Structure formats: C-alpha cells, structure tokens
Amino acid sequence: DSVARYQVLYGPLPGNSVQVLQVDGRHNSTVVEHLAPNTTYLVTVTAV
C-alpha cells in the first residue's frame, strides 16, 4: 500500500539506452514491447 508507483527501466545489454515505463502502485506487472529479437535486456523495477 505504501508504494505510490513503480518504474520499470529496461535496456539492451550491453548498451546504455534505457527506456522507462511508469506503472501505478496498485499493479504488479506490465508488458514491455517493441523489443529487438534475440537480445538480452536488463530490467530494473523501482518501487517509489
């Protein structure tokens, strides 16, 4: 209840281009789209 929102950061590895999705604090999942095939991504979920 104490989380206002989540930020989902994702970007291909290696690399430093990062995109951010904002997710309402009541939700616990999201779909990340428009990605490159056969690529490893680092995904960071931040609770704000």
ModelCIF file with pLDDT and N, C-alpha, C, O atoms, coordinates in Angstrom:
data_MODEL
#
_entry.id   MODEL 
#
_entity.id                         1 
_entity.type                       polymer 
_entity.pdbx_number_of_molecules   1 
#
_entity_poly.entity_id                      1 
_entity_poly.type                           'polypeptide(L)' 
_entity_poly.nstd_linkage                   no 
_entity_poly.nstd_monomer                   no 
_entity_poly.pdbx_seq_one_letter_code       DSVARYQVLYGPLPGNSVQVLQVDGRHNSTVVEHLAPNTTYLVTVTAV 
_entity_poly.pdbx_seq_one_letter_code_can   DSVARYQVLYGPLPGNSVQVLQVDGRHNSTVVEHLAPNTTYLVTVTAV 
_entity_poly.pdbx_strand_id                 A 
#
loop_
_entity_poly_seq.entity_id 
_entity_poly_seq.num 
_entity_poly_seq.mon_id 
_entity_poly_seq.hetero 
1 1  ASP n 
1 2  SER n 
1 3  VAL n 
1 4  ALA n 
1 5  ARG n 
1 6  TYR n 
1 7  GLN n 
1 8  VAL n 
1 9  LEU n 
1 10 TYR n 
1 11 GLY n 
1 12 PRO n 
1 13 LEU n 
1 14 PRO n 
1 15 GLY n 
1 16 ASN n 
1 17 SER n 
1 18 VAL n 
1 19 GLN n 
1 20 VAL n 
1 21 LEU n 
1 22 GLN n 
1 23 VAL n 
1 24 ASP n 
1 25 GLY n 
1 26 ARG n 
1 27 HIS n 
1 28 ASN n 
1 29 SER n 
1 30 THR n 
1 31 VAL n 
1 32 VAL n 
1 33 GLU n 
1 34 HIS n 
1 35 LEU n 
1 36 ALA n 
1 37 PRO n 
1 38 ASN n 
1 39 THR n 
1 40 THR n 
1 41 TYR n 
1 42 LEU n 
1 43 VAL n 
1 44 THR n 
1 45 VAL n 
1 46 THR n 
1 47 ALA n 
1 48 VAL n 
#
_struct_asym.id          A 
_struct_asym.entity_id   1 
#
loop_
_ma_qa_metric.id 
_ma_qa_metric.mode 
_ma_qa_metric.name 
_ma_qa_metric.software_group_id 
_ma_qa_metric.type 
1 global pLDDT . pLDDT 
2 local  pLDDT . pLDDT 
#
_ma_qa_metric_global.metric_id      1 
_ma_qa_metric_global.metric_value   93.08 
_ma_qa_metric_global.model_id       1 
_ma_qa_metric_global.ordinal_id     1 
#
loop_
_ma_qa_metric_local.label_asym_id 
_ma_qa_metric_local.label_comp_id 
_ma_qa_metric_local.label_seq_id 
_ma_qa_metric_local.metric_id 
_ma_qa_metric_local.metric_value 
_ma_qa_metric_local.model_id 
_ma_qa_metric_local.ordinal_id 
A ASP 1  2 77.00 1 1  
A SER 2  2 78.00 1 2  
A VAL 3  2 87.00 1 3  
A ALA 4  2 89.00 1 4  
A ARG 5  2 93.00 1 5  
A TYR 6  2 94.00 1 6  
A GLN 7  2 96.00 1 7  
A VAL 8  2 96.00 1 8  
A LEU 9  2 96.00 1 9  
A TYR 10 2 97.00 1 10 
A GLY 11 2 96.00 1 11 
A PRO 12 2 96.00 1 12 
A LEU 13 2 93.00 1 13 
A PRO 14 2 89.00 1 14 
A GLY 15 2 84.00 1 15 
A ASN 16 2 81.00 1 16 
A SER 17 2 89.00 1 17 
A VAL 18 2 94.00 1 18 
A GLN 19 2 96.00 1 19 
A VAL 20 2 96.00 1 20 
A LEU 21 2 96.00 1 21 
A GLN 22 2 97.00 1 22 
A VAL 23 2 96.00 1 23 
A ASP 24 2 94.00 1 24 
A GLY 25 2 91.00 1 25 
A ARG 26 2 90.00 1 26 
A HIS 27 2 93.00 1 27 
A ASN 28 2 93.00 1 28 
A SER 29 2 96.00 1 29 
A THR 30 2 97.00 1 30 
A VAL 31 2 97.00 1 31 
A VAL 32 2 97.00 1 32 
A GLU 33 2 96.00 1 33 
A HIS 34 2 95.00 1 34 
A LEU 35 2 95.00 1 35 
A ALA 36 2 94.00 1 36 
A PRO 37 2 95.00 1 37 
A ASN 38 2 95.00 1 38 
A THR 39 2 95.00 1 39 
A THR 40 2 96.00 1 40 
A TYR 41 2 97.00 1 41 
A LEU 42 2 96.00 1 42 
A VAL 43 2 96.00 1 43 
A THR 44 2 95.00 1 44 
A VAL 45 2 95.00 1 45 
A THR 46 2 93.00 1 46 
A ALA 47 2 91.00 1 47 
A VAL 48 2 90.00 1 48 
#
loop_
_atom_site.group_PDB 
_atom_site.id 
_atom_site.type_symbol 
_atom_site.label_atom_id 
_atom_site.label_alt_id 
_atom_site.label_comp_id 
_atom_site.label_asym_id 
_atom_site.label_entity_id 
_atom_site.label_seq_id 
_atom_site.pdbx_PDB_ins_code 
_atom_site.Cartn_x 
_atom_site.Cartn_y 
_atom_site.Cartn_z 
_atom_site.occupancy 
_atom_site.B_iso_or_equiv 
_atom_site.pdbx_formal_charge 
_atom_site.auth_seq_id 
_atom_site.auth_comp_id 
_atom_site.auth_asym_id 
_atom_site.auth_atom_id 
_atom_site.pdbx_PDB_model_num 
ATOM 1   N N  . ASP A 1 1  ? 0.818  -1.215  0.000   1.00 77.00 ? 1  ASP A N  1 
ATOM 2   C CA . ASP A 1 1  ? 0.000  0.000   0.000   1.00 77.00 ? 1  ASP A CA 1 
ATOM 3   C C  . ASP A 1 1  ? 0.847  1.258   0.000   1.00 77.00 ? 1  ASP A C  1 
ATOM 4   O O  . ASP A 1 1  ? 0.417  2.310   -0.474  1.00 77.00 ? 1  ASP A O  1 
ATOM 5   N N  . SER A 1 2  ? 2.064  1.141   0.541   1.00 78.00 ? 2  SER A N  1 
ATOM 6   C CA . SER A 1 2  ? 2.874  2.347   0.701   1.00 78.00 ? 2  SER A CA 1 
ATOM 7   C C  . SER A 1 2  ? 3.622  2.725   -0.566  1.00 78.00 ? 2  SER A C  1 
ATOM 8   O O  . SER A 1 2  ? 4.362  3.709   -0.572  1.00 78.00 ? 2  SER A O  1 
ATOM 9   N N  . VAL A 1 3  ? 3.442  1.954   -1.651  1.00 87.00 ? 3  VAL A N  1 
ATOM 10  C CA . VAL A 1 3  ? 4.108  2.285   -2.908  1.00 87.00 ? 3  VAL A CA 1 
ATOM 11  C C  . VAL A 1 3  ? 3.177  3.153   -3.758  1.00 87.00 ? 3  VAL A C  1 
ATOM 12  O O  . VAL A 1 3  ? 2.038  2.776   -4.036  1.00 87.00 ? 3  VAL A O  1 
ATOM 13  N N  . ALA A 1 4  ? 3.679  4.312   -4.161  1.00 89.00 ? 4  ALA A N  1 
ATOM 14  C CA . ALA A 1 4  ? 2.878  5.211   -4.989  1.00 89.00 ? 4  ALA A CA 1 
ATOM 15  C C  . ALA A 1 4  ? 2.873  4.734   -6.433  1.00 89.00 ? 4  ALA A C  1 
ATOM 16  O O  . ALA A 1 4  ? 1.831  4.726   -7.089  1.00 89.00 ? 4  ALA A O  1 
ATOM 17  N N  . ARG A 1 5  ? 4.048  4.335   -6.929  1.00 93.00 ? 5  ARG A N  1 
ATOM 18  C CA . ARG A 1 5  ? 4.135  3.852   -8.305  1.00 93.00 ? 5  ARG A CA 1 
ATOM 19  C C  . ARG A 1 5  ? 5.409  3.050   -8.461  1.00 93.00 ? 5  ARG A C  1 
ATOM 20  O O  . ARG A 1 5  ? 6.311  3.097   -7.625  1.00 93.00 ? 5  ARG A O  1 
ATOM 21  N N  . TYR A 1 6  ? 5.454  2.316   -9.550  1.00 94.00 ? 6  TYR A N  1 
ATOM 22  C CA . TYR A 1 6  ? 6.650  1.562   -9.906  1.00 94.00 ? 6  TYR A CA 1 
ATOM 23  C C  . TYR A 1 6  ? 7.208  2.141   -11.198 1.00 94.00 ? 6  TYR A C  1 
ATOM 24  O O  . TYR A 1 6  ? 6.461  2.600   -12.063 1.00 94.00 ? 6  TYR A O  1 
ATOM 25  N N  . GLN A 1 7  ? 8.530  2.114   -11.315 1.00 96.00 ? 7  GLN A N  1 
ATOM 26  C CA . GLN A 1 7  ? 9.172  2.460   -12.570 1.00 96.00 ? 7  GLN A CA 1 
ATOM 27  C C  . GLN A 1 7  ? 9.854  1.212   -13.082 1.00 96.00 ? 7  GLN A C  1 
ATOM 28  O O  . GLN A 1 7  ? 10.617 0.569   -12.361 1.00 96.00 ? 7  GLN A O  1 
ATOM 29  N N  . VAL A 1 8  ? 9.580  0.871   -14.322 1.00 96.00 ? 8  VAL A N  1 
ATOM 30  C CA . VAL A 1 8  ? 10.237 -0.273  -14.944 1.00 96.00 ? 8  VAL A CA 1 
ATOM 31  C C  . VAL A 1 8  ? 11.216 0.284   -15.976 1.00 96.00 ? 8  VAL A C  1 
ATOM 32  O O  . VAL A 1 8  ? 10.807 0.854   -16.988 1.00 96.00 ? 8  VAL A O  1 
ATOM 33  N N  . LEU A 1 9  ? 12.504 0.113   -15.713 1.00 96.00 ? 9  LEU A N  1 
ATOM 34  C CA . LEU A 1 9  ? 13.545 0.558   -16.640 1.00 96.00 ? 9  LEU A CA 1 
ATOM 35  C C  . LEU A 1 9  ? 14.056 -0.654  -17.394 1.00 96.00 ? 9  LEU A C  1 
ATOM 36  O O  . LEU A 1 9  ? 14.270 -1.712  -16.802 1.00 96.00 ? 9  LEU A O  1 
ATOM 37  N N  . TYR A 1 10 ? 14.254 -0.508  -18.697 1.00 97.00 ? 10 TYR A N  1 
ATOM 38  C CA . TYR A 1 10 ? 14.786 -1.643  -19.448 1.00 97.00 ? 10 TYR A CA 1 
ATOM 39  C C  . TYR A 1 10 ? 15.656 -1.137  -20.592 1.00 97.00 ? 10 TYR A C  1 
ATOM 40  O O  . TYR A 1 10 ? 15.411 -0.080  -21.174 1.00 97.00 ? 10 TYR A O  1 
ATOM 41  N N  . GLY A 1 11 ? 16.673 -1.923  -20.890 1.00 96.00 ? 11 GLY A N  1 
ATOM 42  C CA . GLY A 1 11 ? 17.568 -1.572  -21.985 1.00 96.00 ? 11 GLY A CA 1 
ATOM 43  C C  . GLY A 1 11 ? 18.388 -2.780  -22.365 1.00 96.00 ? 11 GLY A C  1 
ATOM 44  O O  . GLY A 1 11 ? 18.623 -3.653  -21.529 1.00 96.00 ? 11 GLY A O  1 
ATOM 45  N N  . PRO A 1 12 ? 18.839 -2.853  -23.629 1.00 96.00 ? 12 PRO A N  1 
ATOM 46  C CA . PRO A 1 12 ? 19.606 -3.998  -24.088 1.00 96.00 ? 12 PRO A CA 1 
ATOM 47  C C  . PRO A 1 12 ? 20.993 -4.027  -23.440 1.00 96.00 ? 12 PRO A C  1 
ATOM 48  O O  . PRO A 1 12 ? 21.578 -2.990  -23.129 1.00 96.00 ? 12 PRO A O  1 
ATOM 49  N N  . LEU A 1 13 ? 21.490 -5.236  -23.249 1.00 93.00 ? 13 LEU A N  1 
ATOM 50  C CA . LEU A 1 13 ? 22.853 -5.433  -22.754 1.00 93.00 ? 13 LEU A CA 1 
ATOM 51  C C  . LEU A 1 13 ? 23.708 -5.943  -23.894 1.00 93.00 ? 13 LEU A C  1 
ATOM 52  O O  . LEU A 1 13 ? 23.217 -6.781  -24.651 1.00 93.00 ? 13 LEU A O  1 
ATOM 53  N N  . PRO A 1 14 ? 24.950 -5.509  -24.084 1.00 89.00 ? 14 PRO A N  1 
ATOM 54  C CA . PRO A 1 14 ? 25.455 -4.314  -23.405 1.00 89.00 ? 14 PRO A CA 1 
ATOM 55  C C  . PRO A 1 14 ? 24.850 -3.096  -24.056 1.00 89.00 ? 14 PRO A C  1 
ATOM 56  O O  . PRO A 1 14 ? 24.290 -3.194  -25.148 1.00 89.00 ? 14 PRO A O  1 
ATOM 57  N N  . GLY A 1 15 ? 24.949 -1.976  -23.427 1.00 84.00 ? 15 GLY A N  1 
ATOM 58  C CA . GLY A 1 15 ? 24.381 -0.756  -24.002 1.00 84.00 ? 15 GLY A CA 1 
ATOM 59  C C  . GLY A 1 15 ? 23.927 0.156   -22.905 1.00 84.00 ? 15 GLY A C  1 
ATOM 60  O O  . GLY A 1 15 ? 23.832 -0.259  -21.750 1.00 84.00 ? 15 GLY A O  1 
ATOM 61  N N  . ASN A 1 16 ? 23.643 1.398   -23.242 1.00 81.00 ? 16 ASN A N  1 
ATOM 62  C CA . ASN A 1 16 ? 23.202 2.327   -22.204 1.00 81.00 ? 16 ASN A CA 1 
ATOM 63  C C  . ASN A 1 16 ? 21.935 3.067   -22.609 1.00 81.00 ? 16 ASN A C  1 
ATOM 64  O O  . ASN A 1 16 ? 21.610 4.103   -22.028 1.00 81.00 ? 16 ASN A O  1 
ATOM 65  N N  . SER A 1 17 ? 21.209 2.540   -23.610 1.00 89.00 ? 17 SER A N  1 
ATOM 66  C CA . SER A 1 17 ? 19.926 3.172   -23.924 1.00 89.00 ? 17 SER A CA 1 
ATOM 67  C C  . SER A 1 17 ? 18.879 2.532   -23.026 1.00 89.00 ? 17 SER A C  1 
ATOM 68  O O  . SER A 1 17 ? 18.660 1.321   -23.073 1.00 89.00 ? 17 SER A O  1 
ATOM 69  N N  . VAL A 1 18 ? 18.246 3.344   -22.222 1.00 94.00 ? 18 VAL A N  1 
ATOM 70  C CA . VAL A 1 18 ? 17.283 2.823   -21.248 1.00 94.00 ? 18 VAL A CA 1 
ATOM 71  C C  . VAL A 1 18 ? 15.940 3.483   -21.479 1.00 94.00 ? 18 VAL A C  1 
ATOM 72  O O  . VAL A 1 18 ? 15.855 4.694   -21.686 1.00 94.00 ? 18 VAL A O  1 
ATOM 73  N N  . GLN A 1 19 ? 14.884 2.671   -21.442 1.00 96.00 ? 19 GLN A N  1 
ATOM 74  C CA . GLN A 1 19 ? 13.541 3.232   -21.505 1.00 96.00 ? 19 GLN A CA 1 
ATOM 75  C C  . GLN A 1 19 ? 12.825 2.997   -20.182 1.00 96.00 ? 19 GLN A C  1 
ATOM 76  O O  . GLN A 1 19 ? 13.157 2.077   -19.434 1.00 96.00 ? 19 GLN A O  1 
ATOM 77  N N  . VAL A 1 20 ? 11.841 3.840   -19.909 1.00 96.00 ? 20 VAL A N  1 
ATOM 78  C CA . VAL A 1 20 ? 11.161 3.796   -18.613 1.00 96.00 ? 20 VAL A CA 1 
ATOM 79  C C  . VAL A 1 20 ? 9.661  3.647   -18.833 1.00 96.00 ? 20 VAL A C  1 
ATOM 80  O O  . VAL A 1 20 ? 9.065  4.355   -19.645 1.00 96.00 ? 20 VAL A O  1 
ATOM 81  N N  . LEU A 1 21 ? 9.069  2.727   -18.108 1.00 96.00 ? 21 LEU A N  1 
ATOM 82  C CA . LEU A 1 21 ? 7.605  2.619   -18.053 1.00 96.00 ? 21 LEU A CA 1 
ATOM 83  C C  . LEU A 1 21 ? 7.183  2.996   -16.638 1.00 96.00 ? 21 LEU A C  1 
ATOM 84  O O  . LEU A 1 21 ? 7.801  2.564   -15.664 1.00 96.00 ? 21 LEU A O  1 
ATOM 85  N N  . GLN A 1 22 ? 6.125  3.807   -16.526 1.00 97.00 ? 22 GLN A N  1 
ATOM 86  C CA . GLN A 1 22 ? 5.575  4.131   -15.205 1.00 97.00 ? 22 GLN A CA 1 
ATOM 87  C C  . GLN A 1 22 ? 4.363  3.235   -14.979 1.00 97.00 ? 22 GLN A C  1 
ATOM 88  O O  . GLN A 1 22 ? 3.495  3.124   -15.844 1.00 97.00 ? 22 GLN A O  1 
ATOM 89  N N  . VAL A 1 23 ? 4.308  2.600   -13.819 1.00 96.00 ? 23 VAL A N  1 
ATOM 90  C CA . VAL A 1 23 ? 3.207  1.680   -13.525 1.00 96.00 ? 23 VAL A CA 1 
ATOM 91  C C  . VAL A 1 23 ? 2.567  2.103   -12.202 1.00 96.00 ? 23 VAL A C  1 
ATOM 92  O O  . VAL A 1 23 ? 3.257  2.373   -11.218 1.00 96.00 ? 23 VAL A O  1 
ATOM 93  N N  . ASP A 1 24 ? 1.259  2.153   -12.203 1.00 94.00 ? 24 ASP A N  1 
ATOM 94  C CA . ASP A 1 24 ? 0.513  2.511   -10.997 1.00 94.00 ? 24 ASP A CA 1 
ATOM 95  C C  . ASP A 1 24 ? 0.870  1.570   -9.844  1.00 94.00 ? 24 ASP A C  1 
ATOM 96  O O  . ASP A 1 24 ? 1.080  0.376   -10.055 1.00 94.00 ? 24 ASP A O  1 
ATOM 97  N N  . GLY A 1 25 ? 0.935  2.106   -8.639  1.00 91.00 ? 25 GLY A N  1 
ATOM 98  C CA . GLY A 1 25 ? 1.335  1.323   -7.477  1.00 91.00 ? 25 GLY A CA 1 
ATOM 99  C C  . GLY A 1 25 ? 0.401  0.176   -7.139  1.00 91.00 ? 25 GLY A C  1 
ATOM 100 O O  . GLY A 1 25 ? 0.773  -0.710  -6.369  1.00 91.00 ? 25 GLY A O  1 
ATOM 101 N N  . ARG A 1 26 ? -0.807 0.170   -7.697  1.00 90.00 ? 26 ARG A N  1 
ATOM 102 C CA . ARG A 1 26 ? -1.733 -0.945  -7.412  1.00 90.00 ? 26 ARG A CA 1 
ATOM 103 C C  . ARG A 1 26 ? -1.440 -2.151  -8.287  1.00 90.00 ? 26 ARG A C  1 
ATOM 104 O O  . ARG A 1 26 ? -1.944 -3.242  -8.020  1.00 90.00 ? 26 ARG A O  1 
ATOM 105 N N  . HIS A 1 27 ? -0.639 -1.974  -9.322  1.00 93.00 ? 27 HIS A N  1 
ATOM 106 C CA . HIS A 1 27 ? -0.381 -3.070  -10.261 1.00 93.00 ? 27 HIS A CA 1 
ATOM 107 C C  . HIS A 1 27 ? 0.953  -3.741  -9.970  1.00 93.00 ? 27 HIS A C  1 
ATOM 108 O O  . HIS A 1 27 ? 1.864  -3.124  -9.419  1.00 93.00 ? 27 HIS A O  1 
ATOM 109 N N  . ASN A 1 28 ? 1.056  -5.005  -10.346 1.00 93.00 ? 28 ASN A N  1 
ATOM 110 C CA . ASN A 1 28 ? 2.314  -5.696  -10.096 1.00 93.00 ? 28 ASN A CA 1 
ATOM 111 C C  . ASN A 1 28 ? 2.866  -6.346  -11.348 1.00 93.00 ? 28 ASN A C  1 
ATOM 112 O O  . ASN A 1 28 ? 3.678  -7.268  -11.262 1.00 93.00 ? 28 ASN A O  1 
ATOM 113 N N  . SER A 1 29 ? 2.432  -5.875  -12.521 1.00 96.00 ? 29 SER A N  1 
ATOM 114 C CA . SER A 1 29 ? 3.012  -6.440  -13.734 1.00 96.00 ? 29 SER A CA 1 
ATOM 115 C C  . SER A 1 29 ? 2.809  -5.471  -14.887 1.00 96.00 ? 29 SER A C  1 
ATOM 116 O O  . SER A 1 29 ? 1.969  -4.573  -14.830 1.00 96.00 ? 29 SER A O  1 
ATOM 117 N N  . THR A 1 30 ? 3.603  -5.675  -15.939 1.00 97.00 ? 30 THR A N  1 
ATOM 118 C CA . THR A 1 30 ? 3.453  -4.876  -17.146 1.00 97.00 ? 30 THR A CA 1 
ATOM 119 C C  . THR A 1 30 ? 4.060  -5.655  -18.297 1.00 97.00 ? 30 THR A C  1 
ATOM 120 O O  . THR A 1 30 ? 4.825  -6.597  -18.087 1.00 97.00 ? 30 THR A O  1 
ATOM 121 N N  . VAL A 1 31 ? 3.716  -5.260  -19.516 1.00 97.00 ? 31 VAL A N  1 
ATOM 122 C CA . VAL A 1 31 ? 4.306  -5.884  -20.698 1.00 97.00 ? 31 VAL A CA 1 
ATOM 123 C C  . VAL A 1 31 ? 5.254  -4.885  -21.336 1.00 97.00 ? 31 VAL A C  1 
ATOM 124 O O  . VAL A 1 31 ? 4.888  -3.734  -21.574 1.00 97.00 ? 31 VAL A O  1 
ATOM 125 N N  . VAL A 1 32 ? 6.472  -5.329  -21.612 1.00 97.00 ? 32 VAL A N  1 
ATOM 126 C CA . VAL A 1 32 ? 7.459  -4.489  -22.290 1.00 97.00 ? 32 VAL A CA 1 
ATOM 127 C C  . VAL A 1 32 ? 7.455  -4.902  -23.762 1.00 97.00 ? 32 VAL A C  1 
ATOM 128 O O  . VAL A 1 32 ? 7.630  -6.079  -24.078 1.00 97.00 ? 32 VAL A O  1 
ATOM 129 N N  . GLU A 1 33 ? 7.253  -3.933  -24.667 1.00 96.00 ? 33 GLU A N  1 
ATOM 130 C CA . GLU A 1 33 ? 7.060  -4.245  -26.081 1.00 96.00 ? 33 GLU A CA 1 
ATOM 131 C C  . GLU A 1 33 ? 8.084  -3.525  -26.954 1.00 96.00 ? 33 GLU A C  1 
ATOM 132 O O  . GLU A 1 33 ? 8.924  -2.770  -26.464 1.00 96.00 ? 33 GLU A O  1 
ATOM 133 N N  . HIS A 1 34 ? 7.989  -3.784  -28.294 1.00 95.00 ? 34 HIS A N  1 
ATOM 134 C CA . HIS A 1 34 ? 8.843  -3.126  -29.300 1.00 95.00 ? 34 HIS A CA 1 
ATOM 135 C C  . HIS A 1 34 ? 10.315 -3.397  -29.032 1.00 95.00 ? 34 HIS A C  1 
ATOM 136 O O  . HIS A 1 34 ? 11.151 -2.496  -29.090 1.00 95.00 ? 34 HIS A O  1 
ATOM 137 N N  . LEU A 1 35 ? 10.612 -4.656  -28.739 1.00 95.00 ? 35 LEU A N  1 
ATOM 138 C CA . LEU A 1 35 ? 11.994 -5.025  -28.429 1.00 95.00 ? 35 LEU A CA 1 
ATOM 139 C C  . LEU A 1 35 ? 12.655 -5.681  -29.636 1.00 95.00 ? 35 LEU A C  1 
ATOM 140 O O  . LEU A 1 35 ? 11.988 -6.095  -30.584 1.00 95.00 ? 35 LEU A O  1 
ATOM 141 N N  . ALA A 1 36 ? 13.970 -5.765  -29.579 1.00 94.00 ? 36 ALA A N  1 
ATOM 142 C CA . ALA A 1 36 ? 14.717 -6.459  -30.631 1.00 94.00 ? 36 ALA A CA 1 
ATOM 143 C C  . ALA A 1 36 ? 14.753 -7.950  -30.317 1.00 94.00 ? 36 ALA A C  1 
ATOM 144 O O  . ALA A 1 36 ? 14.898 -8.324  -29.153 1.00 94.00 ? 36 ALA A O  1 
ATOM 145 N N  . PRO A 1 37 ? 14.623 -8.821  -31.337 1.00 95.00 ? 37 PRO A N  1 
ATOM 146 C CA . PRO A 1 37 ? 14.676 -10.257 -31.072 1.00 95.00 ? 37 PRO A CA 1 
ATOM 147 C C  . PRO A 1 37 ? 16.078 -10.703 -30.661 1.00 95.00 ? 37 PRO A C  1 
ATOM 148 O O  . PRO A 1 37 ? 17.080 -10.055 -30.963 1.00 95.00 ? 37 PRO A O  1 
ATOM 149 N N  . ASN A 1 38 ? 16.106 -11.836 -29.960 1.00 95.00 ? 38 ASN A N  1 
ATOM 150 C CA . ASN A 1 38 ? 17.361 -12.497 -29.604 1.00 95.00 ? 38 ASN A CA 1 
ATOM 151 C C  . ASN A 1 38 ? 18.326 -11.535 -28.905 1.00 95.00 ? 38 ASN A C  1 
ATOM 152 O O  . ASN A 1 38 ? 19.519 -11.503 -29.207 1.00 95.00 ? 38 ASN A O  1 
ATOM 153 N N  . THR A 1 39 ? 17.789 -10.760 -27.972 1.00 95.00 ? 39 THR A N  1 
ATOM 154 C CA . THR A 1 39 ? 18.588 -9.754  -27.274 1.00 95.00 ? 39 THR A CA 1 
ATOM 155 C C  . THR A 1 39 ? 18.372 -9.924  -25.769 1.00 95.00 ? 39 THR A C  1 
ATOM 156 O O  . THR A 1 39 ? 17.273 -10.241 -25.313 1.00 95.00 ? 39 THR A O  1 
ATOM 157 N N  . THR A 1 40 ? 19.448 -9.706  -25.014 1.00 96.00 ? 40 THR A N  1 
ATOM 158 C CA . THR A 1 40 ? 19.336 -9.736  -23.556 1.00 96.00 ? 40 THR A CA 1 
ATOM 159 C C  . THR A 1 40 ? 19.075 -8.323  -23.051 1.00 96.00 ? 40 THR A C  1 
ATOM 160 O O  . THR A 1 40 ? 19.773 -7.379  -23.420 1.00 96.00 ? 40 THR A O  1 
ATOM 161 N N  . TYR A 1 41 ? 18.065 -8.194  -22.206 1.00 97.00 ? 41 TYR A N  1 
ATOM 162 C CA . TYR A 1 41 ? 17.731 -6.897  -21.628 1.00 97.00 ? 41 TYR A CA 1 
ATOM 163 C C  . TYR A 1 41 ? 17.947 -6.937  -20.121 1.00 97.00 ? 41 TYR A C  1 
ATOM 164 O O  . TYR A 1 41 ? 17.732 -7.957  -19.466 1.00 97.00 ? 41 TYR A O  1 
ATOM 165 N N  . LEU A 1 42 ? 18.378 -5.798  -19.594 1.00 96.00 ? 42 LEU A N  1 
ATOM 166 C CA . LEU A 1 42 ? 18.401 -5.644  -18.141 1.00 96.00 ? 42 LEU A CA 1 
ATOM 167 C C  . LEU A 1 42 ? 17.132 -4.887  -17.761 1.00 96.00 ? 42 LEU A C  1 
ATOM 168 O O  . LEU A 1 42 ? 16.857 -3.805  -18.280 1.00 96.00 ? 42 LEU A O  1 
ATOM 169 N N  . VAL A 1 43 ? 16.368 -5.475  -16.849 1.00 96.00 ? 43 VAL A N  1 
ATOM 170 C CA . VAL A 1 43 ? 15.099 -4.878  -16.410 1.00 96.00 ? 43 VAL A CA 1 
ATOM 171 C C  . VAL A 1 43 ? 15.239 -4.520  -14.939 1.00 96.00 ? 43 VAL A C  1 
ATOM 172 O O  . VAL A 1 43 ? 15.604 -5.373  -14.130 1.00 96.00 ? 43 VAL A O  1 
ATOM 173 N N  . THR A 1 44 ? 14.957 -3.280  -14.581 1.00 95.00 ? 44 THR A N  1 
ATOM 174 C CA . THR A 1 44 ? 15.022 -2.844  -13.186 1.00 95.00 ? 44 THR A CA 1 
ATOM 175 C C  . THR A 1 44 ? 13.656 -2.319  -12.775 1.00 95.00 ? 44 THR A C  1 
ATOM 176 O O  . THR A 1 44 ? 13.111 -1.412  -13.404 1.00 95.00 ? 44 THR A O  1 
ATOM 177 N N  . VAL A 1 45 ? 13.111 -2.897  -11.716 1.00 95.00 ? 45 VAL A N  1 
ATOM 178 C CA . VAL A 1 45 ? 11.836 -2.422  -11.175 1.00 95.00 ? 45 VAL A CA 1 
ATOM 179 C C  . VAL A 1 45 ? 12.140 -1.600  -9.930  1.00 95.00 ? 45 VAL A C  1 
ATOM 180 O O  . VAL A 1 45 ? 12.756 -2.094  -8.985  1.00 95.00 ? 45 VAL A O  1 
ATOM 181 N N  . THR A 1 46 ? 11.706 -0.347  -9.935  1.00 93.00 ? 46 THR A N  1 
ATOM 182 C CA . THR A 1 46 ? 11.920 0.535   -8.786  1.00 93.00 ? 46 THR A CA 1 
ATOM 183 C C  . THR A 1 46 ? 10.573 0.849   -8.150  1.00 93.00 ? 46 THR A C  1 
ATOM 184 O O  . THR A 1 46 ? 9.658  1.333   -8.816  1.00 93.00 ? 46 THR A O  1 
ATOM 185 N N  . ALA A 1 47 ? 10.462 0.568   -6.853  1.00 91.00 ? 47 ALA A N  1 
ATOM 186 C CA . ALA A 1 47 ? 9.261  0.949   -6.104  1.00 91.00 ? 47 ALA A CA 1 
ATOM 187 C C  . ALA A 1 47 ? 9.482  2.358   -5.574  1.00 91.00 ? 47 ALA A C  1 
ATOM 188 O O  . ALA A 1 47 ? 10.454 2.612   -4.863  1.00 91.00 ? 47 ALA A O  1 
ATOM 189 N N  . VAL A 1 48 ? 8.583  3.274   -5.919  1.00 90.00 ? 48 VAL A N  1 
ATOM 190 C CA . VAL A 1 48 ? 8.658  4.645   -5.417  1.00 90.00 ? 48 VAL A CA 1 
ATOM 191 C C  . VAL A 1 48 ? 7.612  4.776   -4.312  1.00 90.00 ? 48 VAL A C  1 
ATOM 192 O O  . VAL A 1 48 ? 7.470  5.846   -3.720  1.00 90.00 ? 48 VAL A O  1 
#
